[in-house]
């Protein structure tokens, strides 16, 4: 691979002139500029991006650390972030960690060494809080909030209100025996959704009934079978996310149970699959495009946002009524 010195020798200019042409940091005589560009083309010279980023104080790169790209919500979030990054001339590096703390730390260290402009992080590991606060580059936490942390910026939906909306909708649709499939309670968004359901039950005089589940299709099928065994009079299910809601419908359909005639279902996230299934899934929507764009903008325009005293950017959840619930 050609070096900058070889390009300079071929163009009969100094290495500094080659650097100025590549970076646009100073005016270069047009004739010299054309010689440099011709030499770059002839040698196939590729500049060292890391070295350039250190010089410019910006790699025009955003790191994205996700627990699972198999979850369609996170895939849609990544797409929203990438579109915003690309619009402003930034590249995206995606790290899929499986919620393994050591992998998350290694990903942050790698992105720091690449001189990334910032990291967008979604994690369920509270123990990562101190590590993120001491990271050398800005970190934006999406979909989650670390307890007791005031050093990071957060972008997320109002999960508590979403949990309330799900419970209120099923009650308004005539459900008397609602079971909430709780997500992992070490995750702040799962806690908030459950708290919303619990508070509505207290306010409306509905018995609280819950089962625990991971945000996982197979786990969703397993706990739905458990619901049918344990709660014989169940007529409404609140799922912790859309994938679990879809798996619940699959189990009910297999058992010949009419949805929404006998049991109504509501999910959370409004992933693309929610409106592709039959019947179409009623769900609580997250504005994933807006969440992704805001997280990216907090890094791209970090100097502007550094002047704000705002720590959390919270977006409204919305009820998306489809065919797995019914009006009475």
Protein backbone atom coordinates (compact mmCIF):
# COMPACT_ATOMS: atom_id res chain seq x y z
CA UNK A 1 0.00 0.00 0.00
CA UNK A 2 1.34 3.41 -1.00
CA UNK A 3 2.37 5.93 1.67
CA UNK A 4 1.79 9.66 1.80
CA UNK A 5 5.52 10.19 1.15
CA UNK A 6 5.33 8.16 -2.06
CA UNK A 7 2.36 10.24 -3.21
CA UNK A 8 4.28 13.43 -2.41
CA UNK A 9 7.39 12.23 -4.31
CA UNK A 10 5.33 11.31 -7.39
CA UNK A 11 3.52 14.67 -7.33
CA UNK A 12 6.75 16.55 -6.59
CA UNK A 13 5.30 18.25 -3.52
CA UNK A 14 5.82 17.94 0.24
CA UNK A 15 3.88 15.40 2.38
CA UNK A 16 2.31 18.41 4.12
CA UNK A 17 0.83 19.56 0.80
CA UNK A 18 -0.66 16.11 0.21
CA UNK A 19 -2.20 16.29 3.69
CA UNK A 20 -3.66 19.74 2.98
CA UNK A 21 -5.26 18.50 -0.24
CA UNK A 22 -6.83 15.48 1.49
CA UNK A 23 -8.08 17.37 4.53
CA UNK A 24 -8.95 20.68 2.92
CA UNK A 25 -7.24 22.45 5.82
CA UNK A 26 -5.53 25.13 3.72
CA UNK A 27 -5.58 26.58 0.24
CA UNK A 28 -3.36 24.74 -2.24
CA UNK A 29 -2.34 26.00 -5.67
CA UNK A 30 -4.70 24.40 -8.23
CA UNK A 31 -1.89 22.99 -10.35
CA UNK A 32 -0.29 21.32 -7.31
CA UNK A 33 -3.68 20.06 -6.17
CA UNK A 34 -4.29 18.35 -9.51
CA UNK A 35 -0.84 16.73 -9.39
CA UNK A 36 -1.59 15.39 -5.91
CA UNK A 37 -5.00 14.04 -6.94
CA UNK A 38 -3.45 12.36 -10.00
CA UNK A 39 -0.73 10.78 -7.82
CA UNK A 40 -3.33 9.52 -5.33
CA UNK A 41 -5.27 7.93 -8.17
CA UNK A 42 -2.17 6.39 -9.73
CA UNK A 43 -0.84 4.90 -6.48
CA UNK A 44 -4.23 3.89 -5.05
CA UNK A 45 -3.30 5.67 -1.83
CA UNK A 46 -5.76 5.17 1.05
CA UNK A 47 -5.33 7.62 3.98
CA UNK A 48 -5.07 6.30 7.53
CA UNK A 49 -8.51 7.20 8.90
CA UNK A 50 -7.46 6.84 12.53
CA UNK A 51 -4.52 9.19 12.06
CA UNK A 52 -6.72 11.68 10.23
CA UNK A 53 -9.36 11.53 12.95
CA UNK A 54 -6.78 12.23 15.65
CA UNK A 55 -5.58 15.25 13.70
CA UNK A 56 -9.12 16.53 13.11
CA UNK A 57 -10.35 15.62 16.62
CA UNK A 58 -13.23 13.73 14.97
CA UNK A 59 -13.49 10.37 13.23
CA UNK A 60 -17.01 11.20 11.99
CA UNK A 61 -17.93 7.88 13.56
CA UNK A 62 -20.70 6.85 15.98
CA UNK A 63 -20.58 3.60 17.93
CA UNK A 64 -23.82 1.70 18.65
CA UNK A 65 -23.84 -1.02 21.32
CA UNK A 66 -26.98 -3.19 21.40
CA UNK A 67 -27.93 -6.24 23.48
CA UNK A 68 -29.44 -8.16 20.53
CA UNK A 69 -29.96 -7.37 16.86
CA UNK A 70 -32.39 -10.32 16.78
CA UNK A 71 -34.91 -8.09 18.56
CA UNK A 72 -36.68 -6.23 15.72
CA UNK A 73 -37.04 -3.10 17.87
CA UNK A 74 -33.26 -2.76 18.15
CA UNK A 75 -32.84 -3.43 14.43
CA UNK A 76 -35.28 -0.58 13.71
CA UNK A 77 -33.46 1.65 16.22
CA UNK A 78 -30.13 0.93 14.50
CA UNK A 79 -31.69 1.83 11.15
CA UNK A 80 -32.97 5.16 12.49
CA UNK A 81 -29.56 6.03 13.96
CA UNK A 82 -27.73 5.05 10.77
CA UNK A 83 -29.98 7.19 8.59
CA UNK A 84 -29.40 10.25 10.77
CA UNK A 85 -25.66 9.59 10.93
CA UNK A 86 -25.39 9.16 7.16
CA UNK A 87 -27.35 12.38 6.57
CA UNK A 88 -24.67 14.31 8.46
CA UNK A 89 -21.66 12.48 7.00
CA UNK A 90 -21.05 10.09 9.90
CA UNK A 91 -20.50 6.34 9.81
CA UNK A 92 -21.98 3.82 12.24
CA UNK A 93 -20.13 0.94 13.91
CA UNK A 94 -22.56 -1.63 15.38
CA UNK A 95 -21.57 -3.91 18.27
CA UNK A 96 -23.92 -6.78 19.21
CA UNK A 97 -23.04 -7.87 22.76
CA UNK A 98 -25.77 -10.23 23.97
CA UNK A 99 -25.96 -8.15 27.18
CA UNK A 100 -22.59 -9.58 28.29
CA UNK A 101 -20.92 -6.93 30.46
CA UNK A 102 -17.37 -7.75 29.43
CA UNK A 103 -18.33 -7.56 25.76
CA UNK A 104 -19.95 -4.18 26.36
CA UNK A 105 -16.82 -2.87 28.08
CA UNK A 106 -14.60 -4.24 25.32
CA UNK A 107 -16.80 -2.58 22.69
CA UNK A 108 -16.57 0.79 24.47
CA UNK A 109 -12.79 0.49 24.75
CA UNK A 110 -12.50 -0.40 21.07
CA UNK A 111 -14.69 2.54 20.00
CA UNK A 112 -12.68 4.89 22.21
CA UNK A 113 -9.45 3.69 20.61
CA UNK A 114 -11.01 4.37 17.18
CA UNK A 115 -11.55 7.98 18.29
CA UNK A 116 -15.33 7.65 17.82
CA UNK A 117 -17.26 10.88 18.36
CA UNK A 118 -19.59 9.13 20.79
CA UNK A 119 -21.36 5.91 21.72
CA UNK A 120 -25.07 5.10 21.80
CA UNK A 121 -25.63 2.35 24.34
CA UNK A 122 -28.57 0.12 25.25
CA UNK A 123 -27.77 -2.19 28.16
CA UNK A 124 -29.50 -4.07 30.97
CA UNK A 125 -26.34 -4.13 33.11
CA UNK A 126 -26.54 -1.61 35.97
CA UNK A 127 -22.97 -2.52 36.94
CA UNK A 128 -21.83 -0.80 33.74
CA UNK A 129 -22.87 2.63 35.07
CA UNK A 130 -19.53 3.61 36.62
CA UNK A 131 -17.63 2.36 33.58
CA UNK A 132 -19.75 4.47 31.22
CA UNK A 133 -19.41 7.58 33.38
CA UNK A 134 -15.61 7.32 33.18
CA UNK A 135 -15.47 6.67 29.44
CA UNK A 136 -13.30 9.12 27.49
CA UNK A 137 -15.97 9.88 24.86
CA UNK A 138 -19.65 10.87 25.20
CA UNK A 139 -22.16 8.09 25.85
CA UNK A 140 -25.88 8.36 25.14
CA UNK A 141 -28.04 5.70 26.80
CA UNK A 142 -31.19 4.70 24.90
CA UNK A 143 -34.30 2.80 26.05
CA UNK A 144 -32.87 2.45 29.58
CA UNK A 145 -31.85 4.62 32.54
CA UNK A 146 -29.13 3.89 35.09
CA UNK A 147 -30.30 4.30 38.68
CA UNK A 148 -28.59 7.14 40.53
CA UNK A 149 -26.63 8.43 37.54
CA UNK A 150 -26.61 12.13 36.63
CA UNK A 151 -23.54 12.22 34.38
CA UNK A 152 -25.01 10.71 31.22
CA UNK A 153 -27.65 11.73 28.71
CA UNK A 154 -30.68 9.48 28.13
CA UNK A 155 -33.09 9.14 25.22
CA UNK A 156 -36.14 6.96 25.76
CA UNK A 157 -39.89 6.55 25.57
CA UNK A 158 -42.19 7.16 28.56
CA UNK A 159 -42.41 3.47 29.45
CA UNK A 160 -44.45 4.09 32.60
CA UNK A 161 -47.17 5.90 30.67
CA UNK A 162 -47.04 3.15 28.05
CA UNK A 163 -47.66 0.51 30.72
CA UNK A 164 -50.62 2.54 31.99
CA UNK A 165 -52.05 2.90 28.50
CA UNK A 166 -51.85 -0.85 27.89
CA UNK A 167 -53.71 -1.68 31.11
CA UNK A 168 -56.32 1.04 30.64
CA UNK A 169 -57.01 -0.06 27.07
CA UNK A 170 -57.68 -3.69 28.04
CA UNK A 171 -59.95 -2.58 30.88
CA UNK A 172 -61.81 -0.24 28.54
CA UNK A 173 -62.18 -3.18 26.14
CA UNK A 174 -63.99 -5.13 28.88
CA UNK A 175 -61.20 -7.26 30.33
CA UNK A 176 -61.69 -8.27 33.98
CA UNK A 177 -58.79 -10.71 34.48
CA UNK A 178 -55.60 -9.25 32.99
CA UNK A 179 -52.22 -10.96 33.22
CA UNK A 180 -49.09 -8.86 32.73
CA UNK A 181 -46.06 -10.63 31.28
CA UNK A 182 -43.31 -8.67 33.04
CA UNK A 183 -39.98 -8.12 31.36
CA UNK A 184 -36.72 -8.54 33.26
CA UNK A 185 -37.03 -6.19 36.23
CA UNK A 186 -33.33 -5.32 36.27
CA UNK A 187 -34.12 -3.33 33.11
CA UNK A 188 -35.50 0.13 33.88
CA UNK A 189 -37.92 0.17 30.94
CA UNK A 190 -39.42 -3.17 32.00
CA UNK A 191 -39.85 -1.91 35.57
CA UNK A 192 -41.56 1.24 34.36
CA UNK A 193 -43.99 -0.68 32.12
CA UNK A 194 -44.90 -3.01 34.96
CA UNK A 195 -45.30 -0.09 37.41
CA UNK A 196 -47.76 1.52 34.99
CA UNK A 197 -49.83 -1.68 34.84
CA UNK A 198 -49.70 -2.14 38.63
CA UNK A 199 -50.84 1.40 39.38
CA UNK A 200 -53.80 1.16 36.99
CA UNK A 201 -54.85 -2.12 38.63
CA UNK A 202 -54.90 -0.38 42.03
CA UNK A 203 -56.82 2.61 40.70
CA UNK A 204 -59.41 0.58 38.79
CA UNK A 205 -59.90 -2.21 41.32
CA UNK A 206 -58.41 -4.92 39.09
CA UNK A 207 -56.51 -7.84 40.63
CA UNK A 208 -52.80 -7.72 39.79
CA UNK A 209 -51.63 -10.91 38.04
CA UNK A 210 -48.14 -11.36 36.62
CA UNK A 211 -45.63 -13.81 35.17
CA UNK A 212 -41.97 -13.14 34.41
CA UNK A 213 -40.37 -13.41 30.98
CA UNK A 214 -37.31 -12.39 29.00
CA UNK A 215 -37.78 -10.34 25.82
CA UNK A 216 -37.69 -13.58 23.87
CA UNK A 217 -40.05 -15.44 21.51
CA UNK A 218 -39.43 -18.92 22.96
CA UNK A 219 -39.73 -17.64 26.52
CA UNK A 220 -42.98 -15.93 25.57
CA UNK A 221 -44.49 -19.19 24.37
CA UNK A 222 -43.44 -20.92 27.59
CA UNK A 223 -44.98 -18.31 29.91
CA UNK A 224 -48.20 -18.16 27.87
CA UNK A 225 -48.68 -21.89 28.47
CA UNK A 226 -48.09 -21.12 32.16
CA UNK A 227 -50.76 -18.40 32.05
CA UNK A 228 -53.33 -20.80 30.63
CA UNK A 229 -52.55 -23.30 33.40
CA UNK A 230 -52.47 -20.81 36.29
CA UNK A 231 -55.06 -18.16 35.40
CA UNK A 232 -58.11 -20.05 34.16
CA UNK A 233 -60.26 -16.94 33.76
CA UNK A 234 -57.69 -14.79 31.94
CA UNK A 235 -59.28 -12.56 29.31
CA UNK A 236 -56.46 -10.09 28.67
CA UNK A 237 -52.68 -10.34 28.27
CA UNK A 238 -50.20 -7.45 28.40
CA UNK A 239 -46.92 -8.59 26.87
CA UNK A 240 -43.56 -7.03 27.77
CA UNK A 241 -42.80 -6.49 24.08
CA UNK A 242 -44.25 -7.30 20.66
CA UNK A 243 -42.20 -10.47 20.15
CA UNK A 244 -43.62 -11.92 23.36
CA UNK A 245 -47.11 -10.78 22.33
CA UNK A 246 -46.75 -12.56 18.98
CA UNK A 247 -45.57 -15.72 20.72
CA UNK A 248 -48.56 -15.49 23.09
CA UNK A 249 -50.92 -15.30 20.13
CA UNK A 250 -49.26 -18.35 18.57
CA UNK A 251 -49.89 -20.40 21.74
CA UNK A 252 -53.50 -19.22 22.02
CA UNK A 253 -54.14 -20.03 18.36
CA UNK A 254 -52.60 -23.49 18.78
CA UNK A 255 -54.97 -24.10 21.71
CA UNK A 256 -58.01 -23.01 19.72
CA UNK A 257 -58.57 -19.86 21.79
CA UNK A 258 -60.18 -17.00 19.92
CA UNK A 259 -58.28 -13.70 19.87
CA UNK A 260 -59.75 -11.21 20.62
CA UNK A 261 -63.06 -13.01 21.25
CA UNK A 262 -61.97 -14.84 24.40
CA UNK A 263 -58.56 -13.38 25.23
CA UNK A 264 -57.28 -9.98 24.12
CA UNK A 265 -53.57 -9.21 23.66
CA UNK A 266 -51.55 -6.00 23.64
CA UNK A 267 -47.82 -5.71 22.99
CA UNK A 268 -45.21 -2.97 23.32
CA UNK A 269 -42.88 -1.31 20.73
CA UNK A 270 -44.94 -1.42 17.50
CA UNK A 271 -42.32 -3.32 15.49
CA UNK A 272 -42.94 -3.82 11.78
CA UNK A 273 -44.15 -7.40 12.37
CA UNK A 274 -47.03 -6.13 14.52
CA UNK A 275 -49.06 -5.09 11.48
CA UNK A 276 -47.92 -7.98 9.29
CA UNK A 277 -49.37 -10.76 11.46
CA UNK A 278 -53.02 -11.88 11.25
CA UNK A 279 -54.81 -10.66 13.27
CA UNK A 280 -52.79 -7.44 13.40
CA UNK A 281 -51.35 -6.75 16.84
CA UNK A 282 -52.62 -3.99 19.11
CA UNK A 283 -49.58 -2.48 20.77
CA UNK A 284 -48.01 0.50 22.51
CA UNK A 285 -45.88 2.33 19.98
CA UNK A 286 -42.48 3.83 20.58
CA UNK A 287 -41.41 6.61 18.18
CA UNK A 288 -38.25 4.72 17.26
CA UNK A 289 -37.30 7.02 14.36
CA UNK A 290 -37.37 10.07 16.62
CA UNK A 291 -35.55 8.28 19.45
CA UNK A 292 -32.78 7.09 17.12
CA UNK A 293 -32.40 10.49 15.45
CA UNK A 294 -32.20 12.33 18.78
CA UNK A 295 -29.56 9.92 20.14
CA UNK A 296 -27.44 10.46 17.02
CA UNK A 297 -27.91 14.23 17.09
CA UNK A 298 -26.73 14.40 20.71
CA UNK A 299 -23.37 13.11 19.44
CA UNK A 300 -23.23 14.87 16.07
CA UNK A 301 -24.08 18.25 17.65
CA UNK A 302 -22.52 17.51 21.04
CA UNK A 303 -21.04 21.00 21.44
CA UNK A 304 -24.51 22.52 21.10
CA UNK A 305 -26.15 20.05 23.49
CA UNK A 306 -23.30 20.37 26.02
CA UNK A 307 -24.62 23.85 26.74
CA UNK A 308 -28.02 22.43 27.74
CA UNK A 309 -28.62 21.37 31.31
CA UNK A 310 -30.99 18.66 30.10
CA UNK A 311 -30.19 15.04 30.97
CA UNK A 312 -33.23 13.13 29.69
CA UNK A 313 -35.05 13.35 26.36
CA UNK A 314 -38.36 11.53 26.85
CA UNK A 315 -40.74 10.71 23.99
CA UNK A 316 -44.44 9.94 24.28
CA UNK A 317 -45.78 6.40 23.88
CA UNK A 318 -48.91 5.91 21.77
CA UNK A 319 -51.74 3.38 21.67
CA UNK A 320 -51.89 1.61 18.31
CA UNK A 321 -55.26 -0.14 18.13
CA UNK A 322 -55.44 -3.11 15.76
CA UNK A 323 -57.17 -6.49 15.79
CA UNK A 324 -56.03 -8.36 18.93
CA UNK A 325 -58.25 -6.15 21.12
CA UNK A 326 -61.87 -5.12 20.61
CA UNK A 327 -64.21 -2.33 21.63
CA UNK A 328 -67.17 -3.27 23.80
